[in-house]
Amino acid sequence: MMLSEYSQSKFTKQSLFKEVLIYGYVDALDMFLTDYANISRYLNTRLNSLLATQHLTFDAFLIMHEIGQNPRPLLLMEIAHQHHVSRSAISRQIGVLLKYRYIEQQANATDCRQKGLSLTATGRHLDQQLMTTMHKTVHQWTTQLGPQRVKTLLGIFTDFNEQIINNEVPDSD
């Protein structure tokens, strides 16, 4: 039903308002899903083309980068907690990073069951190289969109992460 038809129908202003809200949310959801799919595909293609030559997935790169940013060796369970995933999921990524000698394990002096993870010289060099390339890309986006829009977008991501993801109650399965 078109909006002009509402004036000729038995709908009240309140029901009209409800309909607009419902259809507005549906349209917004459709727009979100379409935009999310397009952006996700674009970023996956862009990042994968950069990372695949180094045998990395985006998740493995993030783990490698986090290990490099930490002043002390990180434990596998710390990384799993930060990523909200199981230790076995992180172990698979760690396996790839160890295989290509991007990271190394060091036994904890007080508890040999715990192994700290740190970057090798090769891993550190690769992380710097990839971050430089990514910084150039983000700079191009900032030039195109404008610094304020990029800052707003990043703020929304931060809010979503802090208010939604970090406060989500896990399923009781």
Foldseek 3Di string as FASTA:
>chain_A
DDPVVVVVDPDDPVVVVVVCVVVVVVVVVVVCVVVVVVVVVVVQVVVCVVCVVVVAHPLLLVVLVVQAVDPWFAWLVVSCVVVVHDSVVSVVSVVSCVVSQQKDWDADPVHRVTTGIHGDPVNVVVNVVVVVVVVVVVVVVCVVPPVVVVVVVVVVVVCCCVVPVVPDDDDPD
